[in-house]
Amino acid sequence: MKIQLALAGLATTCLASCGFYQAHQAGEAAADLQALLLGDSKADIRACAGPPQSISRESGSEVWHYRYDAYRHAQMDRDYVGLADVVFTGGEVTDLRFRSNYETNTFGMAFTPNQIRALSLPIFEGC
């Protein structure tokens, strides 16, 4: 397994507390995850993240779309959703992109890239 139990615990802590510092740390872990998954096959990703919600094509690549309803798994002040796109070129992961349904928190502060990645991290806990 590429992600250790400590990483899963960090993501759970981040989502349970919804603290910005924990989200930043989990986001850094997600950046490390991105580096680890580059080059993996479709079978590898399906085995660890499950089937995608949908698949699209863009510029000769296949994109698998995943969604994690973070608000259903932790006490949050909004219905935050983590969205992850896994991009395959030539059958291998060439990019991971992370998004959210919100760009700011309830105080109007913009999410950092690490906080956005943290919302999607549980999708890849099995990787």
N, C-alpha and C. Protein backbone atom coordinates (compact mmCIF):
# COMPACT_ATOMS: atom_id res chain seq x y z
N MET A 1 0.84 -1.17 0.00
CA MET A 1 0.00 0.00 0.00
C MET A 1 0.89 1.24 0.00
N LYS A 2 0.51 2.17 -0.81
CA LYS A 2 1.32 3.37 -0.94
C LYS A 2 1.03 4.40 0.14
N ILE A 3 -0.16 4.36 0.67
CA ILE A 3 -0.51 5.29 1.74
C ILE A 3 -0.50 4.51 3.03
N GLN A 4 0.21 5.00 4.00
CA GLN A 4 0.30 4.32 5.28
C GLN A 4 -0.89 4.70 6.15
N LEU A 5 -1.09 3.90 7.20
CA LEU A 5 -2.21 4.18 8.09
C LEU A 5 -2.12 5.56 8.71
N ALA A 6 -0.93 6.06 8.87
CA ALA A 6 -0.78 7.41 9.43
C ALA A 6 -1.43 8.45 8.54
N LEU A 7 -1.32 8.27 7.25
CA LEU A 7 -1.93 9.19 6.30
C LEU A 7 -3.45 9.15 6.42
N ALA A 8 -3.99 7.95 6.52
CA ALA A 8 -5.44 7.83 6.68
C ALA A 8 -5.89 8.48 7.99
N GLY A 9 -5.11 8.30 9.03
CA GLY A 9 -5.44 8.93 10.30
C GLY A 9 -5.38 10.44 10.21
N LEU A 10 -4.40 10.96 9.48
CA LEU A 10 -4.29 12.40 9.30
C LEU A 10 -5.49 12.95 8.55
N ALA A 11 -5.92 12.26 7.52
CA ALA A 11 -7.09 12.71 6.76
C ALA A 11 -8.34 12.69 7.64
N THR A 12 -8.50 11.64 8.44
CA THR A 12 -9.65 11.55 9.32
C THR A 12 -9.63 12.67 10.34
N THR A 13 -8.47 12.94 10.90
CA THR A 13 -8.33 14.03 11.86
C THR A 13 -8.71 15.36 11.21
N CYS A 14 -8.22 15.55 10.00
CA CYS A 14 -8.51 16.79 9.27
C CYS A 14 -10.00 16.97 9.08
N LEU A 15 -10.66 15.93 8.63
CA LEU A 15 -12.08 16.06 8.34
C LEU A 15 -12.91 16.14 9.61
N ALA A 16 -12.49 15.42 10.65
CA ALA A 16 -13.26 15.44 11.89
C ALA A 16 -13.19 16.81 12.57
N SER A 17 -12.04 17.43 12.54
CA SER A 17 -11.91 18.70 13.23
C SER A 17 -12.16 19.89 12.32
N CYS A 18 -12.00 19.69 11.03
CA CYS A 18 -12.17 20.75 10.04
C CYS A 18 -11.27 21.95 10.36
N GLY A 19 -10.12 21.68 10.97
CA GLY A 19 -9.18 22.75 11.28
C GLY A 19 -8.33 23.07 10.08
N PHE A 20 -7.98 24.33 9.94
CA PHE A 20 -7.21 24.74 8.77
C PHE A 20 -5.79 24.18 8.80
N TYR A 21 -5.18 24.10 9.96
CA TYR A 21 -3.83 23.56 10.04
C TYR A 21 -3.82 22.09 9.64
N GLN A 22 -4.77 21.32 10.16
CA GLN A 22 -4.85 19.91 9.81
C GLN A 22 -5.14 19.75 8.32
N ALA A 23 -5.99 20.60 7.77
CA ALA A 23 -6.29 20.53 6.35
C ALA A 23 -5.04 20.81 5.53
N HIS A 24 -4.23 21.73 5.99
CA HIS A 24 -2.99 22.04 5.28
C HIS A 24 -2.08 20.81 5.29
N GLN A 25 -1.93 20.17 6.45
CA GLN A 25 -1.09 18.98 6.54
C GLN A 25 -1.63 17.86 5.66
N ALA A 26 -2.94 17.64 5.69
CA ALA A 26 -3.53 16.59 4.87
C ALA A 26 -3.36 16.91 3.39
N GLY A 27 -3.45 18.18 3.06
CA GLY A 27 -3.23 18.59 1.67
C GLY A 27 -1.82 18.30 1.21
N GLU A 28 -0.85 18.50 2.09
CA GLU A 28 0.53 18.15 1.75
C GLU A 28 0.64 16.65 1.52
N ALA A 29 -0.06 15.87 2.35
CA ALA A 29 -0.06 14.42 2.17
C ALA A 29 -0.68 14.06 0.82
N ALA A 30 -1.72 14.78 0.43
CA ALA A 30 -2.35 14.53 -0.87
C ALA A 30 -1.39 14.86 -2.01
N ALA A 31 -0.57 15.89 -1.83
CA ALA A 31 0.42 16.22 -2.85
C ALA A 31 1.43 15.07 -2.98
N ASP A 32 1.82 14.49 -1.84
CA ASP A 32 2.69 13.33 -1.87
C ASP A 32 2.01 12.16 -2.56
N LEU A 33 0.72 11.99 -2.29
CA LEU A 33 -0.05 10.94 -2.93
C LEU A 33 -0.02 11.10 -4.44
N GLN A 34 -0.16 12.32 -4.90
CA GLN A 34 -0.14 12.58 -6.33
C GLN A 34 1.15 12.07 -6.94
N ALA A 35 2.26 12.35 -6.29
CA ALA A 35 3.55 11.88 -6.80
C ALA A 35 3.62 10.36 -6.79
N LEU A 36 3.04 9.73 -5.77
CA LEU A 36 3.07 8.27 -5.67
C LEU A 36 2.22 7.59 -6.74
N LEU A 37 1.09 8.20 -7.10
CA LEU A 37 0.17 7.56 -8.05
C LEU A 37 0.56 7.77 -9.51
N LEU A 38 1.41 8.74 -9.78
CA LEU A 38 1.82 8.97 -11.17
C LEU A 38 2.44 7.69 -11.72
N GLY A 39 1.99 7.29 -12.90
CA GLY A 39 2.48 6.08 -13.53
C GLY A 39 1.66 4.84 -13.23
N ASP A 40 0.74 4.90 -12.26
CA ASP A 40 -0.10 3.75 -11.96
C ASP A 40 -1.06 3.47 -13.11
N SER A 41 -1.48 2.23 -13.22
CA SER A 41 -2.40 1.82 -14.28
C SER A 41 -3.85 2.05 -13.85
N LYS A 42 -4.76 1.91 -14.81
CA LYS A 42 -6.18 2.02 -14.51
C LYS A 42 -6.59 0.93 -13.51
N ALA A 43 -6.04 -0.26 -13.68
CA ALA A 43 -6.36 -1.36 -12.76
C ALA A 43 -5.90 -1.02 -11.35
N ASP A 44 -4.73 -0.41 -11.22
CA ASP A 44 -4.22 -0.02 -9.90
C ASP A 44 -5.18 0.96 -9.22
N ILE A 45 -5.61 1.98 -9.97
CA ILE A 45 -6.49 3.00 -9.40
C ILE A 45 -7.86 2.43 -9.07
N ARG A 46 -8.39 1.61 -9.96
CA ARG A 46 -9.70 0.99 -9.68
C ARG A 46 -9.61 0.11 -8.43
N ALA A 47 -8.49 -0.58 -8.25
CA ALA A 47 -8.33 -1.46 -7.09
C ALA A 47 -8.26 -0.68 -5.78
N CYS A 48 -7.65 0.50 -5.81
CA CYS A 48 -7.47 1.22 -4.54
C CYS A 48 -8.51 2.32 -4.31
N ALA A 49 -9.05 2.91 -5.35
CA ALA A 49 -10.01 4.00 -5.19
C ALA A 49 -11.43 3.60 -5.58
N GLY A 50 -11.56 2.45 -6.20
CA GLY A 50 -12.87 2.00 -6.64
C GLY A 50 -13.21 2.56 -8.01
N PRO A 51 -14.40 2.22 -8.50
CA PRO A 51 -14.79 2.72 -9.82
C PRO A 51 -15.08 4.22 -9.76
N PRO A 52 -14.77 4.94 -10.83
CA PRO A 52 -15.06 6.37 -10.84
C PRO A 52 -16.56 6.62 -10.97
N GLN A 53 -16.98 7.82 -10.57
CA GLN A 53 -18.38 8.20 -10.74
C GLN A 53 -18.71 8.40 -12.21
N SER A 54 -17.75 8.92 -12.94
CA SER A 54 -17.93 9.11 -14.38
C SER A 54 -16.56 9.15 -15.04
N ILE A 55 -16.58 9.02 -16.36
CA ILE A 55 -15.35 9.04 -17.16
C ILE A 55 -15.58 9.98 -18.33
N SER A 56 -14.58 10.79 -18.62
CA SER A 56 -14.66 11.67 -19.79
C SER A 56 -13.34 11.60 -20.55
N ARG A 57 -13.32 12.22 -21.71
CA ARG A 57 -12.10 12.28 -22.52
C ARG A 57 -11.78 13.75 -22.76
N GLU A 58 -10.49 14.05 -22.72
CA GLU A 58 -10.05 15.41 -23.06
C GLU A 58 -8.64 15.35 -23.62
N SER A 59 -8.47 15.90 -24.77
CA SER A 59 -7.16 16.01 -25.42
C SER A 59 -6.40 14.69 -25.46
N GLY A 60 -7.05 13.63 -25.85
CA GLY A 60 -6.39 12.33 -25.97
C GLY A 60 -6.18 11.60 -24.66
N SER A 61 -6.66 12.14 -23.57
CA SER A 61 -6.54 11.48 -22.27
C SER A 61 -7.91 11.05 -21.78
N GLU A 62 -7.91 10.07 -20.91
CA GLU A 62 -9.13 9.63 -20.26
C GLU A 62 -9.10 10.17 -18.83
N VAL A 63 -10.22 10.74 -18.39
CA VAL A 63 -10.28 11.35 -17.05
C VAL A 63 -11.35 10.63 -16.23
N TRP A 64 -10.92 10.11 -15.11
CA TRP A 64 -11.85 9.47 -14.18
C TRP A 64 -12.19 10.49 -13.11
N HIS A 65 -13.49 10.65 -12.86
CA HIS A 65 -13.99 11.64 -11.90
C HIS A 65 -14.48 10.96 -10.63
N TYR A 66 -13.97 11.43 -9.50
CA TYR A 66 -14.35 10.91 -8.18
C TYR A 66 -14.93 12.04 -7.34
N ARG A 67 -15.77 11.66 -6.38
CA ARG A 67 -16.42 12.64 -5.50
C ARG A 67 -16.42 12.07 -4.08
N TYR A 68 -16.12 12.94 -3.13
CA TYR A 68 -16.19 12.56 -1.72
C TYR A 68 -17.02 13.60 -0.99
N ASP A 69 -18.14 13.18 -0.43
CA ASP A 69 -19.03 14.07 0.31
C ASP A 69 -18.50 14.22 1.74
N ALA A 70 -17.53 15.11 1.90
CA ALA A 70 -16.86 15.27 3.19
C ALA A 70 -17.83 15.63 4.30
N TYR A 71 -18.83 16.41 3.98
CA TYR A 71 -19.78 16.85 5.01
C TYR A 71 -20.58 15.70 5.59
N ARG A 72 -20.68 14.60 4.91
CA ARG A 72 -21.42 13.44 5.44
C ARG A 72 -20.61 12.65 6.45
N HIS A 73 -19.30 12.89 6.47
CA HIS A 73 -18.42 12.09 7.31
C HIS A 73 -17.79 12.87 8.46
N ALA A 74 -18.08 14.14 8.56
CA ALA A 74 -17.51 14.96 9.62
C ALA A 74 -18.45 16.13 9.90
N GLN A 75 -18.32 16.68 11.08
CA GLN A 75 -19.14 17.85 11.40
C GLN A 75 -18.54 19.05 10.67
N MET A 76 -19.29 19.59 9.77
CA MET A 76 -18.84 20.74 9.00
C MET A 76 -19.96 21.77 8.94
N ASP A 77 -19.57 22.99 8.71
CA ASP A 77 -20.54 24.07 8.67
C ASP A 77 -21.13 24.28 7.28
N ARG A 78 -20.74 23.47 6.32
CA ARG A 78 -21.25 23.53 4.95
C ARG A 78 -21.23 22.14 4.33
N ASP A 79 -21.87 22.00 3.21
CA ASP A 79 -21.90 20.73 2.51
C ASP A 79 -20.68 20.60 1.58
N TYR A 80 -19.49 20.55 2.19
CA TYR A 80 -18.25 20.48 1.41
C TYR A 80 -18.13 19.15 0.69
N VAL A 81 -17.70 19.24 -0.57
CA VAL A 81 -17.49 18.07 -1.41
C VAL A 81 -16.09 18.15 -1.99
N GLY A 82 -15.35 17.05 -1.90
CA GLY A 82 -14.05 16.96 -2.54
C GLY A 82 -14.20 16.28 -3.89
N LEU A 83 -13.65 16.87 -4.91
CA LEU A 83 -13.72 16.32 -6.26
C LEU A 83 -12.30 16.04 -6.75
N ALA A 84 -12.08 14.85 -7.28
CA ALA A 84 -10.76 14.48 -7.76
C ALA A 84 -10.88 13.93 -9.18
N ASP A 85 -10.00 14.38 -10.04
CA ASP A 85 -9.92 13.88 -11.41
C ASP A 85 -8.59 13.16 -11.57
N VAL A 86 -8.64 11.91 -12.01
CA VAL A 86 -7.43 11.14 -12.28
C VAL A 86 -7.29 11.09 -13.80
N VAL A 87 -6.20 11.63 -14.30
CA VAL A 87 -5.98 11.72 -15.75
C VAL A 87 -5.05 10.60 -16.19
N PHE A 88 -5.51 9.82 -17.17
CA PHE A 88 -4.72 8.73 -17.74
C PHE A 88 -4.33 9.09 -19.17
N THR A 89 -3.07 8.94 -19.46
CA THR A 89 -2.57 9.08 -20.84
C THR A 89 -1.76 7.83 -21.12
N GLY A 90 -2.09 7.16 -22.21
CA GLY A 90 -1.40 5.91 -22.51
C GLY A 90 -1.62 4.84 -21.46
N GLY A 91 -2.76 4.90 -20.77
CA GLY A 91 -3.09 3.89 -19.77
C GLY A 91 -2.46 4.09 -18.41
N GLU A 92 -1.70 5.18 -18.22
CA GLU A 92 -1.05 5.45 -16.95
C GLU A 92 -1.50 6.79 -16.38
N VAL A 93 -1.48 6.91 -15.06
CA VAL A 93 -1.82 8.18 -14.42
C VAL A 93 -0.75 9.21 -14.78
N THR A 94 -1.21 10.33 -15.34
CA THR A 94 -0.28 11.41 -15.68
C THR A 94 -0.58 12.68 -14.88
N ASP A 95 -1.74 12.72 -14.22
CA ASP A 95 -2.07 13.91 -13.44
C ASP A 95 -3.23 13.59 -12.50
N LEU A 96 -3.26 14.26 -11.36
CA LEU A 96 -4.39 14.26 -10.44
C LEU A 96 -4.76 15.71 -10.22
N ARG A 97 -6.06 15.99 -10.32
CA ARG A 97 -6.54 17.36 -10.10
C ARG A 97 -7.59 17.33 -9.00
N PHE A 98 -7.50 18.29 -8.11
CA PHE A 98 -8.41 18.35 -6.97
C PHE A 98 -9.21 19.63 -7.02
N ARG A 99 -10.51 19.52 -6.72
CA ARG A 99 -11.41 20.68 -6.69
C ARG A 99 -12.38 20.50 -5.53
N SER A 100 -13.18 21.53 -5.32
CA SER A 100 -14.24 21.46 -4.32
C SER A 100 -15.45 22.19 -4.86
N ASN A 101 -16.57 21.95 -4.24
CA ASN A 101 -17.78 22.66 -4.64
C ASN A 101 -17.79 24.10 -4.12
N TYR A 102 -16.87 24.43 -3.22
CA TYR A 102 -16.73 25.80 -2.71
C TYR A 102 -15.29 26.26 -2.89
N GLU A 103 -15.11 27.55 -3.13
CA GLU A 103 -13.77 28.12 -3.23
C GLU A 103 -13.37 28.84 -1.96
N THR A 104 -14.34 29.10 -1.07
CA THR A 104 -14.06 29.81 0.18
C THR A 104 -14.73 29.09 1.34
N ASN A 105 -14.25 29.37 2.54
CA ASN A 105 -14.91 28.84 3.73
C ASN A 105 -16.05 29.77 4.12
N THR A 106 -16.70 29.48 5.22
CA THR A 106 -17.87 30.28 5.62
C THR A 106 -17.49 31.70 6.05
N PHE A 107 -16.21 31.94 6.27
CA PHE A 107 -15.74 33.28 6.63
C PHE A 107 -15.32 34.08 5.39
N GLY A 108 -15.45 33.47 4.21
CA GLY A 108 -15.09 34.15 2.98
C GLY A 108 -13.62 34.06 2.63
N MET A 109 -12.86 33.28 3.40
CA MET A 109 -11.43 33.10 3.11
C MET A 109 -11.25 32.02 2.05
N ALA A 110 -10.43 32.30 1.06
CA ALA A 110 -10.19 31.33 -0.01
C ALA A 110 -9.48 30.10 0.54
N PHE A 111 -9.89 28.95 0.07
CA PHE A 111 -9.20 27.72 0.42
C PHE A 111 -7.84 27.69 -0.24
N THR A 112 -6.87 27.14 0.46
CA THR A 112 -5.56 26.93 -0.14
C THR A 112 -5.64 25.65 -0.98
N PRO A 113 -4.70 25.47 -1.90
CA PRO A 113 -4.69 24.21 -2.66
C PRO A 113 -4.61 22.99 -1.74
N ASN A 114 -3.86 23.09 -0.66
CA ASN A 114 -3.77 21.96 0.27
C ASN A 114 -5.11 21.66 0.94
N GLN A 115 -5.87 22.68 1.29
CA GLN A 115 -7.18 22.45 1.89
C GLN A 115 -8.14 21.82 0.89
N ILE A 116 -8.06 22.23 -0.35
CA ILE A 116 -8.91 21.64 -1.40
C ILE A 116 -8.55 20.16 -1.57
N ARG A 117 -7.25 19.86 -1.65
CA ARG A 117 -6.82 18.46 -1.80
C ARG A 117 -7.25 17.62 -0.61
N ALA A 118 -7.22 18.20 0.58
CA ALA A 118 -7.58 17.45 1.79
C ALA A 118 -9.01 16.94 1.75
N LEU A 119 -9.90 17.68 1.12
CA LEU A 119 -11.29 17.24 1.03
C LEU A 119 -11.45 15.96 0.21
N SER A 120 -10.52 15.72 -0.72
CA SER A 120 -10.61 14.54 -1.58
C SER A 120 -9.74 13.38 -1.12
N LEU A 121 -8.90 13.60 -0.15
CA LEU A 121 -7.94 12.59 0.26
C LEU A 121 -8.56 11.23 0.61
N PRO A 122 -9.70 11.18 1.29
CA PRO A 122 -10.27 9.87 1.62
C PRO A 122 -10.60 8.99 0.42
N ILE A 123 -10.78 9.58 -0.74
CA ILE A 123 -11.05 8.78 -1.95
C ILE A 123 -9.91 7.77 -2.15
N PHE A 124 -8.71 8.18 -1.82
CA PHE A 124 -7.53 7.38 -2.12
C PHE A 124 -6.93 6.69 -0.90
N GLU A 125 -7.71 6.54 0.17
CA GLU A 125 -7.20 5.89 1.38
C GLU A 125 -6.69 4.48 1.13
N GLY A 126 -7.28 3.79 0.18
CA GLY A 126 -6.87 2.41 -0.09
C GLY A 126 -5.67 2.27 -1.00
N CYS A 127 -5.11 3.37 -1.43
CA CYS A 127 -3.99 3.31 -2.38
C CYS A 127 -2.65 3.20 -1.67
